């Protein structure tokens, strides 16, 4: 599989899983009102699915090693911190306000890509696309009657941790040698699942919900585990093929698709101005071009000096 087709496969799979996992999680929590347990099941279940598939000979996965676990431990802690701050941000700021913060992250991450990961700064066209994404998100948020500016503290904390997440995970992909992508899936999910045992085990309401779990709820959780494993695989694959900024832009497009699904399926309908803003954001993401590595750019320039003008 070529790099181009591999990127399309990874990004397409990630976007599909992102949209379907959202619906699956909503249904799973509806059937089993124990969100911490559902998240724990996804993470631990993914690790079990990976090791089971390896034992059956379907995939190749890295063995658990202390040196690799130490390097993946920050991945798990950052991941859980991002989820916690996401929840707290949405507790104090509505979705539209949070969306503006989310869509401004590629501007910061593109600079971090340059400073820490060896990328060039975006081209003028790509800078314009990133700014257009933010402007479109602000336009959509302003078109919503429930837009409000509050909850800055948790949004700011989430912003910092989210940017760290995007940069550090790309750093791990670049520097921690793994035998397969499934190894990254296994390590990240296994380590992130461990602290969650204490969250649902100490919650009386979740334990009560677990005691009353029926077959339909178990199936819903099982489906979310399968989708979670697939999304984790595609997410790590996409991170390996894309820059941190490009992966963040893809994540923002997933959020746009999620909003579109909400508009179509549920009672919350966007205004005509809001719909135009969403389409504007999608168009801006389409025209964004990933910044090359600085070494690659130098090689291209050296090569161009030897070519005759056409």
C-alpha atoms as a PDB file:
ATOM      1  CA  UNK A   1       0.000   0.000   0.000  1.00  0.00           C
ATOM      2  CA  UNK A   2       1.423   3.379  -1.033  1.00  0.00           C
ATOM      3  CA  UNK A   3       1.836   6.225   1.454  1.00  0.00           C
ATOM      4  CA  UNK A   4      -1.002   8.157  -0.209  1.00  0.00           C
ATOM      5  CA  UNK A   5      -3.463   5.254  -0.203  1.00  0.00           C
ATOM      6  CA  UNK A   6      -2.355   4.356   3.322  1.00  0.00           C
ATOM      7  CA  UNK A   7      -3.154   7.885   4.511  1.00  0.00           C
ATOM      8  CA  UNK A   8      -6.593   7.770   2.874  1.00  0.00           C
ATOM      9  CA  UNK A   9      -7.287   4.380   4.484  1.00  0.00           C
ATOM     10  CA  UNK A  10      -6.156   5.527   7.945  1.00  0.00           C
ATOM     11  CA  UNK A  11      -7.924   8.904   7.837  1.00  0.00           C
ATOM     12  CA  UNK A  12     -11.116   7.446   6.314  1.00  0.00           C
ATOM     13  CA  UNK A  13     -11.218   4.682   8.913  1.00  0.00           C
ATOM     14  CA  UNK A  14     -10.580   7.149  11.726  1.00  0.00           C
ATOM     15  CA  UNK A  15     -13.352   9.497  10.587  1.00  0.00           C
ATOM     16  CA  UNK A  16     -15.852   6.655  10.126  1.00  0.00           C
ATOM     17  CA  UNK A  17     -15.070   5.161  13.534  1.00  0.00           C
ATOM     18  CA  UNK A  18     -15.192   8.580  15.187  1.00  0.00           C
ATOM     19  CA  UNK A  19     -18.745   9.208  13.949  1.00  0.00           C
ATOM     20  CA  UNK A  20     -20.076   5.715  14.660  1.00  0.00           C
ATOM     21  CA  UNK A  21     -18.365   5.465  18.064  1.00  0.00           C
ATOM     22  CA  UNK A  22     -20.129   8.650  19.195  1.00  0.00           C
ATOM     23  CA  UNK A  23     -23.522   7.133  18.392  1.00  0.00           C
ATOM     24  CA  UNK A  24     -22.501   3.799  19.923  1.00  0.00           C
ATOM     25  CA  UNK A  25     -21.321   5.456  23.147  1.00  0.00           C
ATOM     26  CA  UNK A  26     -24.523   7.473  23.468  1.00  0.00           C
ATOM     27  CA  UNK A  27     -26.565   4.291  23.111  1.00  0.00           C
ATOM     28  CA  UNK A  28     -24.324   2.301  25.486  1.00  0.00           C
ATOM     29  CA  UNK A  29     -24.587   4.956  28.219  1.00  0.00           C
ATOM     30  CA  UNK A  30     -28.342   5.162  27.621  1.00  0.00           C
ATOM     31  CA  UNK A  31     -28.639   1.408  28.218  1.00  0.00           C
ATOM     32  CA  UNK A  32     -26.050   1.383  31.020  1.00  0.00           C
ATOM     33  CA  UNK A  33     -25.773   4.719  32.889  1.00  0.00           C
ATOM     34  CA  UNK A  34     -22.209   4.078  34.024  1.00  0.00           C
ATOM     35  CA  UNK A  35     -19.923   6.250  31.815  1.00  0.00           C
ATOM     36  CA  UNK A  36     -16.700   5.469  33.707  1.00  0.00           C
ATOM     37  CA  UNK A  37     -17.322   1.741  33.348  1.00  0.00           C
ATOM     38  CA  UNK A  38     -18.150   2.105  29.637  1.00  0.00           C
ATOM     39  CA  UNK A  39     -14.866   3.974  29.067  1.00  0.00           C
ATOM     40  CA  UNK A  40     -12.962   1.391  31.141  1.00  0.00           C
ATOM     41  CA  UNK A  41     -14.559  -1.399  29.123  1.00  0.00           C
ATOM     42  CA  UNK A  42     -13.511   0.243  25.856  1.00  0.00           C
ATOM     43  CA  UNK A  43      -9.901   0.677  26.932  1.00  0.00           C
ATOM     44  CA  UNK A  44      -9.385  -2.631  28.741  1.00  0.00           C
ATOM     45  CA  UNK A  45     -11.528  -4.445  26.179  1.00  0.00           C
ATOM     46  CA  UNK A  46      -9.390  -3.077  23.345  1.00  0.00           C
ATOM     47  CA  UNK A  47      -6.228  -4.367  25.044  1.00  0.00           C
ATOM     48  CA  UNK A  48      -7.873  -7.801  25.468  1.00  0.00           C
ATOM     49  CA  UNK A  49      -9.077  -7.850  21.838  1.00  0.00           C
ATOM     50  CA  UNK A  50      -5.552  -7.048  20.603  1.00  0.00           C
ATOM     51  CA  UNK A  51      -3.894  -9.762  22.678  1.00  0.00           C
ATOM     52  CA  UNK A  52      -6.573 -12.300  21.729  1.00  0.00           C
ATOM     53  CA  UNK A  53      -6.095 -11.555  18.027  1.00  0.00           C
ATOM     54  CA  UNK A  54      -2.343 -11.927  18.496  1.00  0.00           C
ATOM     55  CA  UNK A  55      -2.762 -15.277  20.266  1.00  0.00           C
ATOM     56  CA  UNK A  56      -4.919 -16.507  17.372  1.00  0.00           C
ATOM     57  CA  UNK A  57      -2.242 -15.450  14.894  1.00  0.00           C
ATOM     58  CA  UNK A  58      -4.245 -12.717  13.153  1.00  0.00           C
ATOM     59  CA  UNK A  59      -1.999  -9.770  14.070  1.00  0.00           C
ATOM     60  CA  UNK A  60       1.447  -8.964  15.390  1.00  0.00           C
ATOM     61  CA  UNK A  61       1.728  -7.043  18.662  1.00  0.00           C
ATOM     62  CA  UNK A  62       4.616  -5.956  20.868  1.00  0.00           C
ATOM     63  CA  UNK A  63       5.153  -7.728  24.164  1.00  0.00           C
ATOM     64  CA  UNK A  64       4.735  -5.698  27.349  1.00  0.00           C
ATOM     65  CA  UNK A  65       8.143  -4.232  28.215  1.00  0.00           C
ATOM     66  CA  UNK A  66       9.005  -1.884  31.060  1.00  0.00           C
ATOM     67  CA  UNK A  67      11.042   0.517  28.901  1.00  0.00           C
ATOM     68  CA  UNK A  68       8.182   0.964  26.423  1.00  0.00           C
ATOM     69  CA  UNK A  69       5.565   1.153  29.173  1.00  0.00           C
ATOM     70  CA  UNK A  70       7.460   4.033  30.815  1.00  0.00           C
ATOM     71  CA  UNK A  71       7.394   5.982  27.540  1.00  0.00           C
ATOM     72  CA  UNK A  72       3.692   5.250  26.986  1.00  0.00           C
ATOM     73  CA  UNK A  73       2.655   6.104  30.556  1.00  0.00           C
ATOM     74  CA  UNK A  74       2.494   9.867  29.811  1.00  0.00           C
ATOM     75  CA  UNK A  75       0.278   8.998  26.807  1.00  0.00           C
ATOM     76  CA  UNK A  76      -2.242   7.385  29.160  1.00  0.00           C
ATOM     77  CA  UNK A  77      -2.094  10.221  31.709  1.00  0.00           C
ATOM     78  CA  UNK A  78      -2.465  12.935  29.051  1.00  0.00           C
ATOM     79  CA  UNK A  79      -5.347  11.038  27.452  1.00  0.00           C
ATOM     80  CA  UNK A  80      -7.261  10.767  30.742  1.00  0.00           C
ATOM     81  CA  UNK A  81      -6.510  14.401  31.614  1.00  0.00           C
ATOM     82  CA  UNK A  82      -7.877  15.507  28.231  1.00  0.00           C
ATOM     83  CA  UNK A  83     -11.121  13.575  28.796  1.00  0.00           C
ATOM     84  CA  UNK A  84     -11.529  14.972  32.332  1.00  0.00           C
ATOM     85  CA  UNK A  85     -10.906  18.583  31.260  1.00  0.00           C
ATOM     86  CA  UNK A  86     -13.175  18.101  28.244  1.00  0.00           C
ATOM     87  CA  UNK A  87     -16.009  17.081  30.562  1.00  0.00           C
ATOM     88  CA  UNK A  88     -15.316  19.943  32.991  1.00  0.00           C
ATOM     89  CA  UNK A  89     -15.138  22.457  30.126  1.00  0.00           C
ATOM     90  CA  UNK A  90     -18.512  21.343  28.794  1.00  0.00           C
ATOM     91  CA  UNK A  91     -19.904  21.536  32.342  1.00  0.00           C
ATOM     92  CA  UNK A  92     -19.215  25.276  32.476  1.00  0.00           C
ATOM     93  CA  UNK A  93     -19.144  26.252  28.775  1.00  0.00           C
ATOM     94  CA  UNK A  94     -21.593  25.152  26.109  1.00  0.00           C
ATOM     95  CA  UNK A  95     -20.609  23.101  23.063  1.00  0.00           C
ATOM     96  CA  UNK A  96     -20.456  26.135  20.760  1.00  0.00           C
ATOM     97  CA  UNK A  97     -18.009  27.977  23.031  1.00  0.00           C
ATOM     98  CA  UNK A  98     -15.865  24.864  23.390  1.00  0.00           C
ATOM     99  CA  UNK A  99     -15.896  24.402  19.614  1.00  0.00           C
ATOM    100  CA  UNK A 100     -14.158  27.779  19.121  1.00  0.00           C
ATOM    101  CA  UNK A 101     -11.368  26.716  21.480  1.00  0.00           C
ATOM    102  CA  UNK A 102     -11.063  23.372  19.678  1.00  0.00           C
ATOM    103  CA  UNK A 103     -10.797  24.927  16.231  1.00  0.00           C
ATOM    104  CA  UNK A 104      -8.047  27.320  17.298  1.00  0.00           C
ATOM    105  CA  UNK A 105      -5.716  24.480  18.379  1.00  0.00           C
ATOM    106  CA  UNK A 106      -4.163  23.853  14.907  1.00  0.00           C
ATOM    107  CA  UNK A 107      -2.704  27.381  14.992  1.00  0.00           C
ATOM    108  CA  UNK A 108      -0.768  26.562  18.169  1.00  0.00           C
ATOM    109  CA  UNK A 109       0.080  23.002  17.143  1.00  0.00           C
ATOM    110  CA  UNK A 110       1.478  24.109  13.769  1.00  0.00           C
ATOM    111  CA  UNK A 111       4.030  26.256  15.626  1.00  0.00           C
ATOM    112  CA  UNK A 112       4.814  23.350  17.990  1.00  0.00           C
ATOM    113  CA  UNK A 113       5.247  21.124  14.923  1.00  0.00           C
ATOM    114  CA  UNK A 114       7.901  23.558  13.736  1.00  0.00           C
ATOM    115  CA  UNK A 115       9.635  23.943  17.108  1.00  0.00           C
ATOM    116  CA  UNK A 116       9.677  20.307  18.273  1.00  0.00           C
ATOM    117  CA  UNK A 117       8.924  17.915  15.393  1.00  0.00           C
ATOM    118  CA  UNK A 118      11.010  19.256  12.529  1.00  0.00           C
ATOM    119  CA  UNK A 119       8.192  20.511  10.308  1.00  0.00           C
ATOM    120  CA  UNK A 120       8.202  23.664   8.262  1.00  0.00           C
ATOM    121  CA  UNK A 121       5.734  26.368   9.199  1.00  0.00           C
ATOM    122  CA  UNK A 122       2.539  26.169   7.131  1.00  0.00           C
ATOM    123  CA  UNK A 123       2.468  27.843   3.734  1.00  0.00           C
ATOM    124  CA  UNK A 124       0.511  31.103   3.396  1.00  0.00           C
ATOM    125  CA  UNK A 125      -2.386  29.114   1.893  1.00  0.00           C
ATOM    126  CA  UNK A 126      -2.404  26.691   4.821  1.00  0.00           C
ATOM    127  CA  UNK A 127      -2.223  29.537   7.359  1.00  0.00           C
ATOM    128  CA  UNK A 128      -5.232  31.059   5.619  1.00  0.00           C
ATOM    129  CA  UNK A 129      -7.080  27.713   5.817  1.00  0.00           C
ATOM    130  CA  UNK A 130      -6.341  27.354   9.537  1.00  0.00           C
ATOM    131  CA  UNK A 131      -7.559  30.888  10.207  1.00  0.00           C
ATOM    132  CA  UNK A 132     -10.629  30.254   8.036  1.00  0.00           C
ATOM    133  CA  UNK A 133     -11.422  27.150  10.122  1.00  0.00           C
ATOM    134  CA  UNK A 134     -11.361  29.273  13.265  1.00  0.00           C
ATOM    135  CA  UNK A 135     -13.432  32.060  11.689  1.00  0.00           C
ATOM    136  CA  UNK A 136     -16.008  29.532  10.453  1.00  0.00           C
ATOM    137  CA  UNK A 137     -16.229  27.954  13.913  1.00  0.00           C
ATOM    138  CA  UNK A 138     -16.702  31.381  15.504  1.00  0.00           C
ATOM    139  CA  UNK A 139     -19.384  32.191  12.930  1.00  0.00           C
ATOM    140  CA  UNK A 140     -21.234  28.971  13.700  1.00  0.00           C
ATOM    141  CA  UNK A 141     -20.960  29.566  17.445  1.00  0.00           C
ATOM    142  CA  UNK A 142     -22.228  33.152  17.109  1.00  0.00           C
ATOM    143  CA  UNK A 143     -25.184  31.966  15.026  1.00  0.00           C
ATOM    144  CA  UNK A 144     -26.324  29.756  17.909  1.00  0.00           C
ATOM    145  CA  UNK A 145     -28.712  31.372  20.375  1.00  0.00           C
ATOM    146  CA  UNK A 146     -27.149  29.520  23.317  1.00  0.00           C
ATOM    147  CA  UNK A 147     -23.627  30.800  22.689  1.00  0.00           C
ATOM    148  CA  UNK A 148     -22.014  32.120  25.823  1.00  0.00           C
ATOM    149  CA  UNK A 149     -18.479  32.987  26.908  1.00  0.00           C
ATOM    150  CA  UNK A 150     -17.725  31.393  30.265  1.00  0.00           C
ATOM    151  CA  UNK A 151     -15.737  28.523  31.696  1.00  0.00           C
ATOM    152  CA  UNK A 152     -12.475  30.052  30.471  1.00  0.00           C
ATOM    153  CA  UNK A 153     -10.328  28.411  33.159  1.00  0.00           C
ATOM    154  CA  UNK A 154     -11.187  24.800  32.280  1.00  0.00           C
ATOM    155  CA  UNK A 155     -11.196  25.577  28.542  1.00  0.00           C
ATOM    156  CA  UNK A 156      -7.700  27.054  28.860  1.00  0.00           C
ATOM    157  CA  UNK A 157      -6.459  24.041  30.828  1.00  0.00           C
ATOM    158  CA  UNK A 158      -8.004  21.689  28.272  1.00  0.00           C
ATOM    159  CA  UNK A 159      -6.398  23.709  25.471  1.00  0.00           C
ATOM    160  CA  UNK A 160      -2.908  23.279  26.911  1.00  0.00           C
ATOM    161  CA  UNK A 161      -3.294  19.568  27.655  1.00  0.00           C
ATOM    162  CA  UNK A 162      -4.881  18.872  24.255  1.00  0.00           C
ATOM    163  CA  UNK A 163      -2.002  20.557  22.401  1.00  0.00           C
ATOM    164  CA  UNK A 164       0.461  18.587  24.539  1.00  0.00           C
ATOM    165  CA  UNK A 165      -1.454  15.407  23.666  1.00  0.00           C
ATOM    166  CA  UNK A 166      -1.164  16.025  19.918  1.00  0.00           C
ATOM    167  CA  UNK A 167       2.554  16.837  20.055  1.00  0.00           C
ATOM    168  CA  UNK A 168       3.662  14.192  22.568  1.00  0.00           C
ATOM    169  CA  UNK A 169       1.794  11.357  20.852  1.00  0.00           C
ATOM    170  CA  UNK A 170       3.408  12.278  17.526  1.00  0.00           C
ATOM    171  CA  UNK A 171       6.761  12.341  19.353  1.00  0.00           C
ATOM    172  CA  UNK A 172       6.075   8.826  20.674  1.00  0.00           C
ATOM    173  CA  UNK A 173       5.228   7.597  17.173  1.00  0.00           C
ATOM    174  CA  UNK A 174       8.509   9.057  15.865  1.00  0.00           C
ATOM    175  CA  UNK A 175      10.823   7.922  18.664  1.00  0.00           C
ATOM    176  CA  UNK A 176       9.474   4.743  20.313  1.00  0.00           C
ATOM    177  CA  UNK A 177      10.244   1.811  18.014  1.00  0.00           C
ATOM    178  CA  UNK A 178       7.332  -0.631  17.889  1.00  0.00           C
ATOM    179  CA  UNK A 179       6.982  -3.880  15.954  1.00  0.00           C
ATOM    180  CA  UNK A 180       3.503  -2.958  14.762  1.00  0.00           C
ATOM    181  CA  UNK A 181       0.790  -0.324  15.063  1.00  0.00           C
ATOM    182  CA  UNK A 182      -1.165  -2.778  17.222  1.00  0.00           C
ATOM    183  CA  UNK A 183       1.581  -2.435  19.815  1.00  0.00           C
ATOM    184  CA  UNK A 184       0.758   1.252  20.218  1.00  0.00           C
ATOM    185  CA  UNK A 185      -2.937   0.387  20.503  1.00  0.00           C
ATOM    186  CA  UNK A 186      -2.199  -2.220  23.187  1.00  0.00           C
ATOM    187  CA  UNK A 187       0.111  -0.072  25.323  1.00  0.00           C
ATOM    188  CA  UNK A 188      -1.985   3.099  25.248  1.00  0.00           C
ATOM    189  CA  UNK A 189      -5.291   1.381  26.047  1.00  0.00           C
ATOM    190  CA  UNK A 190      -3.927  -0.970  28.703  1.00  0.00           C
ATOM    191  CA  UNK A 191      -2.168   1.781  30.655  1.00  0.00           C
ATOM    192  CA  UNK A 192      -5.079   4.230  30.378  1.00  0.00           C
ATOM    193  CA  UNK A 193      -7.608   1.659  31.611  1.00  0.00           C
ATOM    194  CA  UNK A 194      -5.923   0.950  34.958  1.00  0.00           C
ATOM    195  CA  UNK A 195      -6.808   4.213  36.810  1.00  0.00           C
ATOM    196  CA  UNK A 196     -10.447   3.972  35.689  1.00  0.00           C
ATOM    197  CA  UNK A 197     -11.006   0.910  37.877  1.00  0.00           C
ATOM    198  CA  UNK A 198     -11.045   3.236  40.880  1.00  0.00           C
ATOM    199  CA  UNK A 199     -13.466   5.716  39.308  1.00  0.00           C
ATOM    200  CA  UNK A 200     -16.377   3.338  38.748  1.00  0.00           C
ATOM    201  CA  UNK A 201     -15.528   1.041  41.691  1.00  0.00           C
ATOM    202  CA  UNK A 202     -15.946   3.989  44.053  1.00  0.00           C
ATOM    203  CA  UNK A 203     -19.165   5.272  42.478  1.00  0.00           C
ATOM    204  CA  UNK A 204     -22.286   3.823  44.114  1.00  0.00           C
ATOM    205  CA  UNK A 205     -24.558   4.841  41.228  1.00  0.00           C
ATOM    206  CA  UNK A 206     -22.367   3.090  38.650  1.00  0.00           C
ATOM    207  CA  UNK A 207     -22.133  -0.060  40.767  1.00  0.00           C
ATOM    208  CA  UNK A 208     -25.932  -0.056  41.069  1.00  0.00           C
ATOM    209  CA  UNK A 209     -26.239   0.304  37.290  1.00  0.00           C
ATOM    210  CA  UNK A 210     -23.834  -2.604  36.779  1.00  0.00           C
ATOM    211  CA  UNK A 211     -25.884  -4.835  39.063  1.00  0.00           C
ATOM    212  CA  UNK A 212     -28.912  -4.155  36.906  1.00  0.00           C
ATOM    213  CA  UNK A 213     -27.148  -4.591  33.557  1.00  0.00           C
ATOM    214  CA  UNK A 214     -29.175  -6.659  31.077  1.00  0.00           C
ATOM    215  CA  UNK A 215     -28.246  -8.430  27.848  1.00  0.00           C
ATOM    216  CA  UNK A 216     -29.026  -5.411  25.645  1.00  0.00           C
ATOM    217  CA  UNK A 217     -26.706  -3.230  27.729  1.00  0.00           C
ATOM    218  CA  UNK A 218     -23.933  -5.829  27.559  1.00  0.00           C
ATOM    219  CA  UNK A 219     -24.248  -6.015  23.766  1.00  0.00           C
ATOM    220  CA  UNK A 220     -24.168  -2.203  23.499  1.00  0.00           C
ATOM    221  CA  UNK A 221     -20.975  -2.059  25.570  1.00  0.00           C
ATOM    222  CA  UNK A 222     -19.480  -4.889  23.506  1.00  0.00           C
ATOM    223  CA  UNK A 223     -20.146  -3.022  20.254  1.00  0.00           C
ATOM    224  CA  UNK A 224     -18.526   0.109  21.689  1.00  0.00           C
ATOM    225  CA  UNK A 225     -15.446  -1.974  22.604  1.00  0.00           C
ATOM    226  CA  UNK A 226     -15.089  -3.236  19.017  1.00  0.00           C
ATOM    227  CA  UNK A 227     -15.523   0.260  17.576  1.00  0.00           C
ATOM    228  CA  UNK A 228     -13.124   1.653  20.187  1.00  0.00           C
ATOM    229  CA  UNK A 229     -10.457  -0.871  19.177  1.00  0.00           C
ATOM    230  CA  UNK A 230     -10.912   0.019  15.503  1.00  0.00           C
ATOM    231  CA  UNK A 231     -10.780   3.749  16.192  1.00  0.00           C
ATOM    232  CA  UNK A 232      -7.640   3.386  18.303  1.00  0.00           C
ATOM    233  CA  UNK A 233      -5.945   1.464  15.486  1.00  0.00           C
ATOM    234  CA  UNK A 234      -6.896   4.000  12.814  1.00  0.00           C
ATOM    235  CA  UNK A 235      -5.992   6.942  15.080  1.00  0.00           C
ATOM    236  CA  UNK A 236      -2.461   5.639  15.693  1.00  0.00           C
ATOM    237  CA  UNK A 237      -2.101   4.802  11.987  1.00  0.00           C
ATOM    238  CA  UNK A 238      -3.140   8.328  11.012  1.00  0.00           C
ATOM    239  CA  UNK A 239      -0.784   9.870  13.590  1.00  0.00           C
ATOM    240  CA  UNK A 240       2.115   7.924  12.046  1.00  0.00           C
ATOM    241  CA  UNK A 241       1.303   9.177   8.540  1.00  0.00           C
ATOM    242  CA  UNK A 242       0.262  12.788   9.259  1.00  0.00           C
ATOM    243  CA  UNK A 243       1.831  15.727  11.031  1.00  0.00           C
ATOM    244  CA  UNK A 244       0.403  16.671  14.430  1.00  0.00           C
ATOM    245  CA  UNK A 245      -1.291  19.702  12.859  1.00  0.00           C
ATOM    246  CA  UNK A 246      -2.852  17.676  10.026  1.00  0.00           C
ATOM    247  CA  UNK A 247      -4.153  15.094  12.481  1.00  0.00           C
ATOM    248  CA  UNK A 248      -5.712  17.877  14.545  1.00  0.00           C
ATOM    249  CA  UNK A 249      -7.398  19.304  11.435  1.00  0.00           C
ATOM    250  CA  UNK A 250      -8.786  15.825  10.667  1.00  0.00           C
ATOM    251  CA  UNK A 251     -10.084  15.640  14.242  1.00  0.00           C
ATOM    252  CA  UNK A 252     -11.800  18.999  13.794  1.00  0.00           C
ATOM    253  CA  UNK A 253     -13.450  17.755  10.593  1.00  0.00           C
ATOM    254  CA  UNK A 254     -14.739  14.782  12.601  1.00  0.00           C
ATOM    255  CA  UNK A 255     -16.278  17.250  15.042  1.00  0.00           C
ATOM    256  CA  UNK A 256     -17.946  19.057  12.136  1.00  0.00           C
ATOM    257  CA  UNK A 257     -19.398  15.767  10.905  1.00  0.00           C
ATOM    258  CA  UNK A 258     -20.612  15.043  14.439  1.00  0.00           C
ATOM    259  CA  UNK A 259     -22.367  18.413  14.560  1.00  0.00           C
ATOM    260  CA  UNK A 260     -23.909  17.674  11.155  1.00  0.00           C
ATOM    261  CA  UNK A 261     -25.221  14.339  12.443  1.00  0.00           C
ATOM    262  CA  UNK A 262     -26.716  16.133  15.450  1.00  0.00           C
ATOM    263  CA  UNK A 263     -28.401  18.639  13.129  1.00  0.00           C
ATOM    264  CA  UNK A 264     -29.918  15.863  11.002  1.00  0.00           C
ATOM    265  CA  UNK A 265     -30.852  13.317  13.680  1.00  0.00           C
ATOM    266  CA  UNK A 266     -31.826  15.339  16.727  1.00  0.00           C
ATOM    267  CA  UNK A 267     -33.935  18.368  17.621  1.00  0.00           C
ATOM    268  CA  UNK A 268     -31.063  20.855  17.606  1.00  0.00           C
ATOM    269  CA  UNK A 269     -31.138  22.418  14.124  1.00  0.00           C
ATOM    270  CA  UNK A 270     -28.574  24.906  12.887  1.00  0.00           C
ATOM    271  CA  UNK A 271     -29.651  28.185  11.324  1.00  0.00           C
ATOM    272  CA  UNK A 272     -28.951  28.825   7.610  1.00  0.00           C
ATOM    273  CA  UNK A 273     -25.994  30.985   8.677  1.00  0.00           C
ATOM    274  CA  UNK A 274     -24.733  28.143  10.891  1.00  0.00           C
ATOM    275  CA  UNK A 275     -24.950  25.641   8.036  1.00  0.00           C
ATOM    276  CA  UNK A 276     -23.020  28.008   5.727  1.00  0.00           C
ATOM    277  CA  UNK A 277     -20.328  28.349   8.418  1.00  0.00           C
ATOM    278  CA  UNK A 278     -20.029  24.555   8.733  1.00  0.00           C
ATOM    279  CA  UNK A 279     -19.646  24.209   4.956  1.00  0.00           C
ATOM    280  CA  UNK A 280     -17.070  27.006   5.005  1.00  0.00           C
ATOM    281  CA  UNK A 281     -15.079  25.094   7.654  1.00  0.00           C
ATOM    282  CA  UNK A 282     -15.203  21.870   5.620  1.00  0.00           C
ATOM    283  CA  UNK A 283     -13.987  23.729   2.526  1.00  0.00           C
ATOM    284  CA  UNK A 284     -11.144  25.320   4.499  1.00  0.00           C
ATOM    285  CA  UNK A 285     -10.056  21.909   5.833  1.00  0.00           C
ATOM    286  CA  UNK A 286     -10.118  20.485   2.297  1.00  0.00           C
ATOM    287  CA  UNK A 287      -7.679  23.098   0.973  1.00  0.00           C
ATOM    288  CA  UNK A 288      -5.267  22.802   3.927  1.00  0.00           C
ATOM    289  CA  UNK A 289      -1.928  21.274   2.912  1.00  0.00           C
ATOM    290  CA  UNK A 290       0.366  19.526   5.381  1.00  0.00           C
ATOM    291  CA  UNK A 291       3.696  21.279   5.980  1.00  0.00           C
ATOM    292  CA  UNK A 292       6.672  19.111   4.924  1.00  0.00           C
ATOM    293  CA  UNK A 293       9.534  18.122   7.162  1.00  0.00           C
ATOM    294  CA  UNK A 294      12.356  20.656   6.928  1.00  0.00           C
ATOM    295  CA  UNK A 295      14.807  17.982   5.722  1.00  0.00           C
ATOM    296  CA  UNK A 296      12.378  16.924   2.978  1.00  0.00           C
ATOM    297  CA  UNK A 297      11.917  20.525   1.886  1.00  0.00           C
ATOM    298  CA  UNK A 298      15.698  20.992   1.657  1.00  0.00           C
ATOM    299  CA  UNK A 299      16.025  17.847  -0.478  1.00  0.00           C
ATOM    300  CA  UNK A 300      13.254  19.066  -2.786  1.00  0.00           C
ATOM    301  CA  UNK A 301      14.915  22.451  -3.180  1.00  0.00           C
ATOM    302  CA  UNK A 302      18.273  20.816  -3.911  1.00  0.00           C
ATOM    303  CA  UNK A 303      16.598  18.680  -6.547  1.00  0.00           C
ATOM    304  CA  UNK A 304      14.869  21.641  -8.140  1.00  0.00           C
ATOM    305  CA  UNK A 305      18.226  23.356  -8.688  1.00  0.00           C
ATOM    306  CA  UNK A 306      19.256  20.486 -10.967  1.00  0.00           C
ATOM    307  CA  UNK A 307      16.062  20.510 -13.020  1.00  0.00           C
ATOM    308  CA  UNK A 308      15.682  22.505 -16.206  1.00  0.00           C
ATOM    309  CA  UNK A 309      12.755  24.926 -16.197  1.00  0.00           C
ATOM    310  CA  UNK A 310       9.737  23.778 -18.185  1.00  0.00           C
END
